[in-house]
PDB file of N, CA and C in Angstrom:
ATOM      1  N   MET A   1       0.864  -1.168   0.000  1.00  0.00           N
ATOM      2  CA  MET A   1       0.000   0.000   0.000  1.00  0.00           C
ATOM      3  C   MET A   1       0.910   1.230   0.000  1.00  0.00           C
ATOM      4  N   LYS A   2       0.575   2.202  -0.786  1.00  0.00           N
ATOM      5  CA  LYS A   2       1.326   3.447  -0.837  1.00  0.00           C
ATOM      6  C   LYS A   2       0.462   4.547  -0.206  1.00  0.00           C
ATOM      7  N   ILE A   3       1.050   5.280   0.745  1.00  0.00           N
ATOM      8  CA  ILE A   3       0.333   6.372   1.395  1.00  0.00           C
ATOM      9  C   ILE A   3       1.214   7.611   1.416  1.00  0.00           C
ATOM     10  N   THR A   4       0.583   8.762   1.548  1.00  0.00           N
ATOM     11  CA  THR A   4       1.299  10.017   1.737  1.00  0.00           C
ATOM     12  C   THR A   4       1.091  10.445   3.168  1.00  0.00           C
ATOM     13  N   CYS A   5       2.175  10.646   3.880  1.00  0.00           N
ATOM     14  CA  CYS A   5       2.079  11.065   5.279  1.00  0.00           C
ATOM     15  C   CYS A   5       1.537  12.498   5.348  1.00  0.00           C
ATOM     16  N   ILE A   6       0.585  12.708   6.250  1.00  0.00           N
ATOM     17  CA  ILE A   6      -0.021  14.038   6.418  1.00  0.00           C
ATOM     18  C   ILE A   6       0.339  14.659   7.761  1.00  0.00           C
ATOM     19  N   LYS A   7       1.278  14.071   8.467  1.00  0.00           N
ATOM     20  CA  LYS A   7       1.594  14.522   9.820  1.00  0.00           C
ATOM     21  C   LYS A   7       2.634  15.637   9.881  1.00  0.00           C
ATOM     22  N   CYS A   8       3.378  15.877   8.812  1.00  0.00           N
ATOM     23  CA  CYS A   8       4.350  16.969   8.823  1.00  0.00           C
ATOM     24  C   CYS A   8       4.515  17.514   7.407  1.00  0.00           C
ATOM     25  N   PRO A   9       5.187  18.644   7.239  1.00  0.00           N
ATOM     26  CA  PRO A   9       5.322  19.268   5.917  1.00  0.00           C
ATOM     27  C   PRO A   9       6.113  18.458   4.882  1.00  0.00           C
ATOM     28  N   LEU A  10       6.844  17.436   5.287  1.00  0.00           N
ATOM     29  CA  LEU A  10       7.618  16.647   4.326  1.00  0.00           C
ATOM     30  C   LEU A  10       6.728  15.846   3.376  1.00  0.00           C
ATOM     31  N   SER A  11       5.539  15.465   3.809  1.00  0.00           N
ATOM     32  CA  SER A  11       4.579  14.702   2.987  1.00  0.00           C
ATOM     33  C   SER A  11       5.227  13.495   2.320  1.00  0.00           C
ATOM     34  N   CYS A  12       5.909  12.694   3.092  1.00  0.00           N
ATOM     35  CA  CYS A  12       6.628  11.530   2.564  1.00  0.00           C
ATOM     36  C   CYS A  12       5.680  10.560   1.859  1.00  0.00           C
ATOM     37  N   SER A  13       6.160   9.992   0.792  1.00  0.00           N
ATOM     38  CA  SER A  13       5.452   8.932   0.099  1.00  0.00           C
ATOM     39  C   SER A  13       5.971   7.612   0.674  1.00  0.00           C
ATOM     40  N   ILE A  14       5.113   6.920   1.387  1.00  0.00           N
ATOM     41  CA  ILE A  14       5.531   5.749   2.152  1.00  0.00           C
ATOM     42  C   ILE A  14       4.911   4.485   1.558  1.00  0.00           C
ATOM     43  N   ASP A  15       5.745   3.478   1.398  1.00  0.00           N
ATOM     44  CA  ASP A  15       5.267   2.156   0.994  1.00  0.00           C
ATOM     45  C   ASP A  15       5.209   1.286   2.241  1.00  0.00           C
ATOM     46  N   ILE A  16       4.065   0.640   2.442  1.00  0.00           N
ATOM     47  CA  ILE A  16       3.912  -0.241   3.606  1.00  0.00           C
ATOM     48  C   ILE A  16       3.169  -1.496   3.172  1.00  0.00           C
ATOM     49  N   LYS A  17       3.680  -2.624   3.632  1.00  0.00           N
ATOM     50  CA  LYS A  17       2.985  -3.875   3.335  1.00  0.00           C
ATOM     51  C   LYS A  17       3.230  -4.862   4.466  1.00  0.00           C
ATOM     52  N   LYS A  18       2.247  -5.753   4.613  1.00  0.00           N
ATOM     53  CA  LYS A  18       2.364  -6.807   5.615  1.00  0.00           C
ATOM     54  C   LYS A  18       3.220  -7.917   5.030  1.00  0.00           C
ATOM     55  N   GLU A  19       4.156  -8.361   5.841  1.00  0.00           N
ATOM     56  CA  GLU A  19       4.989  -9.494   5.477  1.00  0.00           C
ATOM     57  C   GLU A  19       4.991 -10.474   6.637  1.00  0.00           C
ATOM     58  N   GLU A  20       5.444 -11.651   6.365  1.00  0.00           N
ATOM     59  CA  GLU A  20       5.554 -12.635   7.427  1.00  0.00           C
ATOM     60  C   GLU A  20       6.471 -12.072   8.505  1.00  0.00           C
ATOM     61  N   GLY A  21       5.965 -11.999   9.720  1.00  0.00           N
ATOM     62  CA  GLY A  21       6.763 -11.483  10.817  1.00  0.00           C
ATOM     63  C   GLY A  21       6.606  -9.993  11.072  1.00  0.00           C
ATOM     64  N   GLY A  22       5.744  -9.298  10.341  1.00  0.00           N
ATOM     65  CA  GLY A  22       5.541  -7.876  10.636  1.00  0.00           C
ATOM     66  C   GLY A  22       5.254  -7.031   9.416  1.00  0.00           C
ATOM     67  N   LEU A  23       5.586  -5.760   9.530  1.00  0.00           N
ATOM     68  CA  LEU A  23       5.333  -4.790   8.470  1.00  0.00           C
ATOM     69  C   LEU A  23       6.650  -4.359   7.831  1.00  0.00           C
ATOM     70  N   LYS A  24       6.629  -4.171   6.527  1.00  0.00           N
ATOM     71  CA  LYS A  24       7.774  -3.606   5.816  1.00  0.00           C
ATOM     72  C   LYS A  24       7.395  -2.179   5.437  1.00  0.00           C
ATOM     73  N   ILE A  25       8.173  -1.207   5.932  1.00  0.00           N
ATOM     74  CA  ILE A  25       7.876   0.203   5.721  1.00  0.00           C
ATOM     75  C   ILE A  25       9.080   0.870   5.079  1.00  0.00           C
ATOM     76  N   GLU A  26       8.856   1.557   3.949  1.00  0.00           N
ATOM     77  CA  GLU A  26       9.929   2.256   3.247  1.00  0.00           C
ATOM     78  C   GLU A  26       9.453   3.632   2.807  1.00  0.00           C
ATOM     79  N   GLY A  27      10.397   4.589   2.766  1.00  0.00           N
ATOM     80  CA  GLY A  27      10.101   5.907   2.206  1.00  0.00           C
ATOM     81  C   GLY A  27       9.827   6.995   3.224  1.00  0.00           C
ATOM     82  N   TYR A  28       9.800   6.687   4.498  1.00  0.00           N
ATOM     83  CA  TYR A  28       9.544   7.722   5.495  1.00  0.00           C
ATOM     84  C   TYR A  28      10.850   8.440   5.843  1.00  0.00           C
ATOM     85  N   GLU A  29      10.735   9.724   6.165  1.00  0.00           N
ATOM     86  CA  GLU A  29      11.903  10.543   6.495  1.00  0.00           C
ATOM     87  C   GLU A  29      12.089  10.734   8.002  1.00  0.00           C
ATOM     88  N   CYS A  30      11.031  10.462   8.771  1.00  0.00           N
ATOM     89  CA  CYS A  30      11.129  10.683  10.216  1.00  0.00           C
ATOM     90  C   CYS A  30      10.295   9.639  10.952  1.00  0.00           C
ATOM     91  N   GLU A  31      10.464   9.605  12.246  1.00  0.00           N
ATOM     92  CA  GLU A  31       9.736   8.645  13.082  1.00  0.00           C
ATOM     93  C   GLU A  31       8.229   8.888  13.036  1.00  0.00           C
ATOM     94  N   VAL A  32       7.831  10.139  12.889  1.00  0.00           N
ATOM     95  CA  VAL A  32       6.408  10.476  12.805  1.00  0.00           C
ATOM     96  C   VAL A  32       5.777   9.783  11.594  1.00  0.00           C
ATOM     97  N   GLY A  33       6.479   9.800  10.464  1.00  0.00           N
ATOM     98  CA  GLY A  33       5.987   9.147   9.251  1.00  0.00           C
ATOM     99  C   GLY A  33       5.876   7.640   9.413  1.00  0.00           C
ATOM    100  N   ARG A  34       6.851   7.046  10.085  1.00  0.00           N
ATOM    101  CA  ARG A  34       6.811   5.606  10.326  1.00  0.00           C
ATOM    102  C   ARG A  34       5.612   5.232  11.187  1.00  0.00           C
ATOM    103  N   ARG A  35       5.381   6.007  12.259  1.00  0.00           N
ATOM    104  CA  ARG A  35       4.231   5.736  13.143  1.00  0.00           C
ATOM    105  C   ARG A  35       2.905   5.937  12.402  1.00  0.00           C
ATOM    106  N   TYR A  36       2.853   6.985  11.563  1.00  0.00           N
ATOM    107  CA  TYR A  36       1.635   7.247  10.789  1.00  0.00           C
ATOM    108  C   TYR A  36       1.332   6.063   9.866  1.00  0.00           C
ATOM    109  N   ALA A  37       2.343   5.546   9.198  1.00  0.00           N
ATOM    110  CA  ALA A  37       2.137   4.421   8.283  1.00  0.00           C
ATOM    111  C   ALA A  37       1.616   3.194   9.026  1.00  0.00           C
ATOM    112  N   ILE A  38       2.187   2.926  10.184  1.00  0.00           N
ATOM    113  CA  ILE A  38       1.722   1.782  10.986  1.00  0.00           C
ATOM    114  C   ILE A  38       0.270   1.988  11.399  1.00  0.00           C
ATOM    115  N   GLU A  39      -0.059   3.199  11.864  1.00  0.00           N
ATOM    116  CA  GLU A  39      -1.437   3.500  12.268  1.00  0.00           C
ATOM    117  C   GLU A  39      -2.404   3.335  11.099  1.00  0.00           C
ATOM    118  N   GLU A  40      -2.019   3.811   9.919  1.00  0.00           N
ATOM    119  CA  GLU A  40      -2.887   3.690   8.746  1.00  0.00           C
ATOM    120  C   GLU A  40      -3.123   2.227   8.374  1.00  0.00           C
ATOM    121  N   MET A  41      -2.168   1.410   8.627  1.00  0.00           N
ATOM    122  CA  MET A  41      -2.298  -0.011   8.294  1.00  0.00           C
ATOM    123  C   MET A  41      -3.118  -0.757   9.349  1.00  0.00           C
ATOM    124  N   GLU A  42      -2.905  -0.428  10.615  1.00  0.00           N
ATOM    125  CA  GLU A  42      -3.517  -1.197  11.694  1.00  0.00           C
ATOM    126  C   GLU A  42      -4.825  -0.608  12.221  1.00  0.00           C
ATOM    127  N   LYS A  43      -4.898   0.707  12.372  1.00  0.00           N
ATOM    128  CA  LYS A  43      -6.098   1.337  12.920  1.00  0.00           C
ATOM    129  C   LYS A  43      -6.149   2.805  12.478  1.00  0.00           C
ATOM    130  N   PRO A  44      -6.612   3.053  11.257  1.00  0.00           N
ATOM    131  CA  PRO A  44      -6.654   4.436  10.769  1.00  0.00           C
ATOM    132  C   PRO A  44      -7.653   5.289  11.565  1.00  0.00           C
ATOM    133  N   MET A  45      -7.240   6.503  11.860  1.00  0.00           N
ATOM    134  CA  MET A  45      -8.043   7.433  12.649  1.00  0.00           C
ATOM    135  C   MET A  45      -8.222   8.729  11.862  1.00  0.00           C
ATOM    136  N   ARG A  46      -9.339   9.427  12.113  1.00  0.00           N
ATOM    137  CA  ARG A  46      -9.608  10.691  11.434  1.00  0.00           C
ATOM    138  C   ARG A  46     -10.358  11.652  12.359  1.00  0.00           C
ATOM    139  N   ILE A  47     -10.142  12.948  12.143  1.00  0.00           N
ATOM    140  CA  ILE A  47     -10.985  13.990  12.720  1.00  0.00           C
ATOM    141  C   ILE A  47     -12.201  14.095  11.804  1.00  0.00           C
ATOM    142  N   LEU A  48     -13.390  14.101  12.364  1.00  0.00           N
ATOM    143  CA  LEU A  48     -14.609  14.262  11.576  1.00  0.00           C
ATOM    144  C   LEU A  48     -15.012  15.728  11.586  1.00  0.00           C
ATOM    145  N   THR A  49     -15.241  16.283  10.409  1.00  0.00           N
ATOM    146  CA  THR A  49     -15.808  17.629  10.288  1.00  0.00           C
ATOM    147  C   THR A  49     -17.065  17.523   9.437  1.00  0.00           C
ATOM    148  N   THR A  50     -18.131  18.146   9.913  1.00  0.00           N
ATOM    149  CA  THR A  50     -19.398  18.130   9.190  1.00  0.00           C
ATOM    150  C   THR A  50     -20.239  19.298   9.690  1.00  0.00           C
ATOM    151  N   THR A  51     -21.520  19.281   9.431  1.00  0.00           N
ATOM    152  CA  THR A  51     -22.427  20.320   9.917  1.00  0.00           C
ATOM    153  C   THR A  51     -23.656  19.679  10.543  1.00  0.00           C
ATOM    154  N   VAL A  52     -24.313  20.442  11.416  1.00  0.00           N
ATOM    155  CA  VAL A  52     -25.605  20.037  11.975  1.00  0.00           C
ATOM    156  C   VAL A  52     -26.583  21.201  11.791  1.00  0.00           C
ATOM    157  N   ALA A  53     -27.855  20.885  11.822  1.00  0.00           N
ATOM    158  CA  ALA A  53     -28.897  21.905  11.647  1.00  0.00           C
ATOM    159  C   ALA A  53     -28.987  22.798  12.884  1.00  0.00           C
ATOM    160  N   VAL A  54     -29.374  24.054  12.637  1.00  0.00           N
ATOM    161  CA  VAL A  54     -29.530  25.031  13.721  1.00  0.00           C
ATOM    162  C   VAL A  54     -30.953  25.575  13.698  1.00  0.00           C
ATOM    163  N   LYS A  55     -31.553  25.647  14.894  1.00  0.00           N
ATOM    164  CA  LYS A  55     -32.888  26.226  15.060  1.00  0.00           C
ATOM    165  C   LYS A  55     -32.720  27.592  15.720  1.00  0.00           C
ATOM    166  N   LYS A  56     -33.419  28.587  15.206  1.00  0.00           N
ATOM    167  CA  LYS A  56     -33.436  29.939  15.757  1.00  0.00           C
ATOM    168  C   LYS A  56     -32.067  30.629  15.713  1.00  0.00           C
ATOM    169  N   GLY A  57     -31.265  30.263  14.712  1.00  0.00           N
ATOM    170  CA  GLY A  57     -29.951  30.873  14.574  1.00  0.00           C
ATOM    171  C   GLY A  57     -29.879  31.787  13.356  1.00  0.00           C
ATOM    172  N   ILE A  58     -28.845  32.645  13.332  1.00  0.00           N
ATOM    173  CA  ILE A  58     -28.663  33.526  12.176  1.00  0.00           C
ATOM    174  C   ILE A  58     -28.113  32.765  10.971  1.00  0.00           C
ATOM    175  N   HIS A  59     -27.679  31.525  11.189  1.00  0.00           N
ATOM    176  CA  HIS A  59     -27.247  30.632  10.109  1.00  0.00           C
ATOM    177  C   HIS A  59     -28.009  29.324  10.247  1.00  0.00           C
ATOM    178  N   PRO A  60     -28.328  28.666   9.126  1.00  0.00           N
ATOM    179  CA  PRO A  60     -29.122  27.433   9.194  1.00  0.00           C
ATOM    180  C   PRO A  60     -28.338  26.185   9.599  1.00  0.00           C
ATOM    181  N   VAL A  61     -27.019  26.244   9.484  1.00  0.00           N
ATOM    182  CA  VAL A  61     -26.204  25.088   9.866  1.00  0.00           C
ATOM    183  C   VAL A  61     -25.003  25.537  10.687  1.00  0.00           C
ATOM    184  N   LEU A  62     -24.504  24.612  11.482  1.00  0.00           N
ATOM    185  CA  LEU A  62     -23.357  24.847  12.350  1.00  0.00           C
ATOM    186  C   LEU A  62     -22.233  23.889  11.967  1.00  0.00           C
ATOM    187  N   PRO A  63     -21.033  24.408  11.659  1.00  0.00           N
ATOM    188  CA  PRO A  63     -19.916  23.500  11.437  1.00  0.00           C
ATOM    189  C   PRO A  63     -19.478  22.880  12.773  1.00  0.00           C
ATOM    190  N   VAL A  64     -19.248  21.588  12.761  1.00  0.00           N
ATOM    191  CA  VAL A  64     -18.832  20.861  13.964  1.00  0.00           C
ATOM    192  C   VAL A  64     -17.657  19.951  13.619  1.00  0.00           C
ATOM    193  N   ARG A  65     -16.963  19.502  14.675  1.00  0.00           N
ATOM    194  CA  ARG A  65     -15.856  18.559  14.493  1.00  0.00           C
ATOM    195  C   ARG A  65     -15.692  17.734  15.759  1.00  0.00           C
ATOM    196  N   THR A  66     -15.038  16.608  15.603  1.00  0.00           N
ATOM    197  CA  THR A  66     -14.709  15.815  16.785  1.00  0.00           C
ATOM    198  C   THR A  66     -13.535  16.477  17.505  1.00  0.00           C
ATOM    199  N   GLU A  67     -13.522  16.352  18.829  1.00  0.00           N
ATOM    200  CA  GLU A  67     -12.440  16.948  19.630  1.00  0.00           C
ATOM    201  C   GLU A  67     -11.091  16.317  19.323  1.00  0.00           C
ATOM    202  N   LYS A  68     -11.117  15.050  18.946  1.00  0.00           N
ATOM    203  CA  LYS A  68      -9.896  14.353  18.541  1.00  0.00           C
ATOM    204  C   LYS A  68     -10.290  13.278  17.543  1.00  0.00           C
ATOM    205  N   GLU A  69      -9.321  12.534  17.075  1.00  0.00           N
ATOM    206  CA  GLU A  69      -9.572  11.524  16.055  1.00  0.00           C
ATOM    207  C   GLU A  69     -10.458  10.388  16.572  1.00  0.00           C
ATOM    208  N   ILE A  70     -11.239   9.838  15.643  1.00  0.00           N
ATOM    209  CA  ILE A  70     -12.026   8.634  15.910  1.00  0.00           C
ATOM    210  C   ILE A  70     -11.646   7.597  14.853  1.00  0.00           C
ATOM    211  N   PRO A  71     -11.943   6.326  15.083  1.00  0.00           N
ATOM    212  CA  PRO A  71     -11.622   5.312  14.072  1.00  0.00           C
ATOM    213  C   PRO A  71     -12.297   5.631  12.734  1.00  0.00           C
ATOM    214  N   LYS A  72     -11.527   5.509  11.673  1.00  0.00           N
ATOM    215  CA  LYS A  72     -12.016   5.833  10.326  1.00  0.00           C
ATOM    216  C   LYS A  72     -13.263   5.035   9.966  1.00  0.00           C
ATOM    217  N   ASN A  73     -13.337   3.798  10.418  1.00  0.00           N
ATOM    218  CA  ASN A  73     -14.494   2.961  10.065  1.00  0.00           C
ATOM    219  C   ASN A  73     -15.793   3.421  10.732  1.00  0.00           C
ATOM    220  N   LEU A  74     -15.725   4.370  11.671  1.00  0.00           N
ATOM    221  CA  LEU A  74     -16.930   4.886  12.329  1.00  0.00           C
ATOM    222  C   LEU A  74     -17.410   6.217  11.744  1.00  0.00           C
ATOM    223  N   LEU A  75     -16.698   6.763  10.761  1.00  0.00           N
ATOM    224  CA  LEU A  75     -17.063   8.080  10.229  1.00  0.00           C
ATOM    225  C   LEU A  75     -18.492   8.132   9.697  1.00  0.00           C
ATOM    226  N   PHE A  76     -18.886   7.172   8.886  1.00  0.00           N
ATOM    227  CA  PHE A  76     -20.226   7.213   8.310  1.00  0.00           C
ATOM    228  C   PHE A  76     -21.307   7.015   9.363  1.00  0.00           C
ATOM    229  N   ASP A  77     -21.043   6.194  10.377  1.00  0.00           N
ATOM    230  CA  ASP A  77     -21.997   6.040  11.480  1.00  0.00           C
ATOM    231  C   ASP A  77     -22.154   7.357  12.230  1.00  0.00           C
ATOM    232  N   ALA A  78     -21.043   8.031  12.475  1.00  0.00           N
ATOM    233  CA  ALA A  78     -21.085   9.318  13.176  1.00  0.00           C
ATOM    234  C   ALA A  78     -21.830  10.363  12.360  1.00  0.00           C
ATOM    235  N   ILE A  79     -21.593  10.388  11.060  1.00  0.00           N
ATOM    236  CA  ILE A  79     -22.299  11.337  10.185  1.00  0.00           C
ATOM    237  C   ILE A  79     -23.801  11.073  10.207  1.00  0.00           C
ATOM    238  N   GLU A  80     -24.178   9.809  10.206  1.00  0.00           N
ATOM    239  CA  GLU A  80     -25.605   9.444  10.263  1.00  0.00           C
ATOM    240  C   GLU A  80     -26.239   9.967  11.557  1.00  0.00           C
ATOM    241  N   ILE A  81     -25.563   9.779  12.673  1.00  0.00           N
ATOM    242  CA  ILE A  81     -26.067  10.285  13.948  1.00  0.00           C
ATOM    243  C   ILE A  81     -26.217  11.803  13.903  1.00  0.00           C
ATOM    244  N   LEU A  82     -25.185  12.487  13.431  1.00  0.00           N
ATOM    245  CA  LEU A  82     -25.195  13.953  13.420  1.00  0.00           C
ATOM    246  C   LEU A  82     -26.176  14.532  12.411  1.00  0.00           C
ATOM    247  N   SER A  83     -26.535  13.762  11.400  1.00  0.00           N
ATOM    248  CA  SER A  83     -27.505  14.258  10.411  1.00  0.00           C
ATOM    249  C   SER A  83     -28.895  14.424  11.025  1.00  0.00           C
ATOM    250  N   ASN A  84     -29.124  13.816  12.178  1.00  0.00           N
ATOM    251  CA  ASN A  84     -30.413  13.918  12.862  1.00  0.00           C
ATOM    252  C   ASN A  84     -30.404  14.899  14.032  1.00  0.00           C
ATOM    253  N   ILE A  85     -29.297  15.606  14.222  1.00  0.00           N
ATOM    254  CA  ILE A  85     -29.158  16.541  15.333  1.00  0.00           C
ATOM    255  C   ILE A  85     -29.591  17.936  14.909  1.00  0.00           C
ATOM    256  N   ILE A  86     -30.375  18.584  15.765  1.00  0.00           N
ATOM    257  CA  ILE A  86     -30.727  19.996  15.579  1.00  0.00           C
ATOM    258  C   ILE A  86     -30.369  20.703  16.878  1.00  0.00           C
ATOM    259  N   VAL A  87     -29.495  21.700  16.777  1.00  0.00           N
ATOM    260  CA  VAL A  87     -29.112  22.479  17.948  1.00  0.00           C
ATOM    261  C   VAL A  87     -29.838  23.810  17.909  1.00  0.00           C
ATOM    262  N   GLU A  88     -30.029  24.405  19.079  1.00  0.00           N
ATOM    263  CA  GLU A  88     -30.721  25.681  19.142  1.00  0.00           C
ATOM    264  C   GLU A  88     -29.728  26.778  19.505  1.00  0.00           C
ATOM    265  N   ALA A  89     -29.803  27.865  18.742  1.00  0.00           N
ATOM    266  CA  ALA A  89     -28.935  29.022  19.001  1.00  0.00           C
ATOM    267  C   ALA A  89     -29.388  29.702  20.289  1.00  0.00           C
ATOM    268  N   PRO A  90     -28.508  30.378  21.000  1.00  0.00           N
ATOM    269  CA  PRO A  90     -27.134  30.702  20.619  1.00  0.00           C
ATOM    270  C   PRO A  90     -26.179  29.545  20.907  1.00  0.00           C
ATOM    271  N   ILE A  91     -25.126  29.496  20.105  1.00  0.00           N
ATOM    272  CA  ILE A  91     -24.105  28.468  20.232  1.00  0.00           C
ATOM    273  C   ILE A  91     -22.751  29.172  20.248  1.00  0.00           C
ATOM    274  N   GLN A  92     -21.873  28.691  21.101  1.00  0.00           N
ATOM    275  CA  GLN A  92     -20.528  29.263  21.155  1.00  0.00           C
ATOM    276  C   GLN A  92     -19.505  28.234  20.687  1.00  0.00           C
ATOM    277  N   TYR A  93     -18.445  28.746  20.087  1.00  0.00           N
ATOM    278  CA  TYR A  93     -17.331  27.906  19.664  1.00  0.00           C
ATOM    279  C   TYR A  93     -16.903  27.012  20.834  1.00  0.00           C
ATOM    280  N   GLY A  94     -16.781  25.726  20.565  1.00  0.00           N
ATOM    281  CA  GLY A  94     -16.339  24.786  21.601  1.00  0.00           C
ATOM    282  C   GLY A  94     -17.459  24.122  22.376  1.00  0.00           C
ATOM    283  N   ASP A  95     -18.711  24.616  22.229  1.00  0.00           N
ATOM    284  CA  ASP A  95     -19.833  23.957  22.899  1.00  0.00           C
ATOM    285  C   ASP A  95     -19.919  22.500  22.448  1.00  0.00           C
ATOM    286  N   ILE A  96     -20.242  21.617  23.373  1.00  0.00           N
ATOM    287  CA  ILE A  96     -20.421  20.207  23.019  1.00  0.00           C
ATOM    288  C   ILE A  96     -21.785  20.040  22.371  1.00  0.00           C
ATOM    289  N   VAL A  97     -21.773  19.504  21.163  1.00  0.00           N
ATOM    290  CA  VAL A  97     -22.988  19.273  20.391  1.00  0.00           C
ATOM    291  C   VAL A  97     -23.480  17.837  20.579  1.00  0.00           C
ATOM    292  N   TYR A  98     -22.547  16.905  20.715  1.00  0.00           N
ATOM    293  CA  TYR A  98     -22.897  15.500  20.907  1.00  0.00           C
ATOM    294  C   TYR A  98     -21.792  14.846  21.727  1.00  0.00           C
ATOM    295  N   ARG A  99     -22.171  14.169  22.794  1.00  0.00           N
ATOM    296  CA  ARG A  99     -21.191  13.516  23.670  1.00  0.00           C
ATOM    297  C   ARG A  99     -20.962  12.067  23.251  1.00  0.00           C
ATOM    298  N   ASN A 100     -19.698  11.651  23.338  1.00  0.00           N
ATOM    299  CA  ASN A 100     -19.332  10.247  23.169  1.00  0.00           C
ATOM    300  C   ASN A 100     -19.845   9.663  21.847  1.00  0.00           C
ATOM    301  N   ILE A 101     -19.499  10.289  20.738  1.00  0.00           N
ATOM    302  CA  ILE A 101     -19.987   9.850  19.431  1.00  0.00           C
ATOM    303  C   ILE A 101     -19.574   8.397  19.166  1.00  0.00           C
ATOM    304  N   CYS A 102     -20.518   7.587  18.822  1.00  0.00           N
ATOM    305  CA  CYS A 102     -20.319   6.159  18.492  1.00  0.00           C
ATOM    306  C   CYS A 102     -19.595   5.379  19.592  1.00  0.00           C
ATOM    307  N   GLY A 103     -19.754   5.818  20.831  1.00  0.00           N
ATOM    308  CA  GLY A 103     -19.134   5.114  21.944  1.00  0.00           C
ATOM    309  C   GLY A 103     -17.614   5.252  22.004  1.00  0.00           C
ATOM    310  N   THR A 104     -17.065   6.251  21.334  1.00  0.00           N
ATOM    311  CA  THR A 104     -15.612   6.431  21.275  1.00  0.00           C
ATOM    312  C   THR A 104     -15.049   7.205  22.456  1.00  0.00           C
ATOM    313  N   GLY A 105     -15.929   7.864  23.227  1.00  0.00           N
ATOM    314  CA  GLY A 105     -15.455   8.738  24.293  1.00  0.00           C
ATOM    315  C   GLY A 105     -15.089  10.119  23.796  1.00  0.00           C
ATOM    316  N   VAL A 106     -15.276  10.366  22.500  1.00  0.00           N
ATOM    317  CA  VAL A 106     -14.924  11.639  21.875  1.00  0.00           C
ATOM    318  C   VAL A 106     -16.195  12.467  21.674  1.00  0.00           C
ATOM    319  N   ASN A 107     -16.123  13.736  22.065  1.00  0.00           N
ATOM    320  CA  ASN A 107     -17.247  14.649  21.886  1.00  0.00           C
ATOM    321  C   ASN A 107     -17.159  15.370  20.550  1.00  0.00           C
ATOM    322  N   VAL A 108     -18.330  15.759  20.045  1.00  0.00           N
ATOM    323  CA  VAL A 108     -18.413  16.598  18.849  1.00  0.00           C
ATOM    324  C   VAL A 108     -18.680  18.010  19.334  1.00  0.00           C
ATOM    325  N   ILE A 109     -17.883  18.974  18.833  1.00  0.00           N
ATOM    326  CA  ILE A 109     -17.982  20.351  19.325  1.00  0.00           C
ATOM    327  C   ILE A 109     -18.270  21.336  18.194  1.00  0.00           C
ATOM    328  N   ALA A 110     -18.826  22.473  18.584  1.00  0.00           N
ATOM    329  CA  ALA A 110     -19.109  23.559  17.637  1.00  0.00           C
ATOM    330  C   ALA A 110     -17.801  24.190  17.167  1.00  0.00           C
ATOM    331  N   SER A 111     -17.740  24.495  15.874  1.00  0.00           N
ATOM    332  CA  SER A 111     -16.542  25.104  15.291  1.00  0.00           C
ATOM    333  C   SER A 111     -16.700  26.602  15.053  1.00  0.00           C
ATOM    334  N   ARG A 112     -17.808  27.185  15.514  1.00  0.00           N
ATOM    335  CA  ARG A 112     -18.017  28.629  15.411  1.00  0.00           C
ATOM    336  C   ARG A 112     -19.134  29.058  16.333  1.00  0.00           C
ATOM    337  N   ASP A 113     -19.249  30.356  16.527  1.00  0.00           N
ATOM    338  CA  ASP A 113     -20.372  30.937  17.268  1.00  0.00           C
ATOM    339  C   ASP A 113     -21.543  31.116  16.303  1.00  0.00           C
ATOM    340  N   ILE A 114     -22.752  30.952  16.800  1.00  0.00           N
ATOM    341  CA  ILE A 114     -23.948  31.329  16.049  1.00  0.00           C
ATOM    342  C   ILE A 114     -24.885  32.040  17.002  1.00  0.00           C
ATOM    343  N   LYS A 115     -25.230  33.274  16.621  1.00  0.00           N
ATOM    344  CA  LYS A 115     -26.145  34.075  17.435  1.00  0.00           C
ATOM    345  C   LYS A 115     -27.584  33.658  17.177  1.00  0.00           C
ATOM    346  N   ARG A 116     -28.417  33.957  18.143  1.00  0.00           N
ATOM    347  CA  ARG A 116     -29.858  33.684  18.037  1.00  0.00           C
ATOM    348  C   ARG A 116     -30.517  34.804  17.216  1.00  0.00           C
ATOM    349  N   ILE A 117     -31.528  34.415  16.467  1.00  0.00           N
ATOM    350  CA  ILE A 117     -32.304  35.409  15.701  1.00  0.00           C
ATOM    351  C   ILE A 117     -33.073  36.291  16.661  1.00  0.00           C
TER     352      ILE A 117
END
């Protein structure tokens, strides 16, 4: 598998494959890239960014994100949950919109302020 590391400005092109006895990793320039490649192979994680509906706000939707990474395989489940959420203004940056998304222990938070109409 070929991946591009997104953890630092070097953007290393890394080759990683499973072999008997472990992983073969080539092309990384730093330890961060090596760890990223292993994580992508064994348990890929992502920050989720999306929007939720707003009631009584000056904007109809609120941008939200997870406080930290969640397993990549849970992204669509999390999006499905958040597609049914309606928050009521006023909302402040950092407010918790949804607690413990998909049982990960990670909260979804507001990414901006929205004033009430």
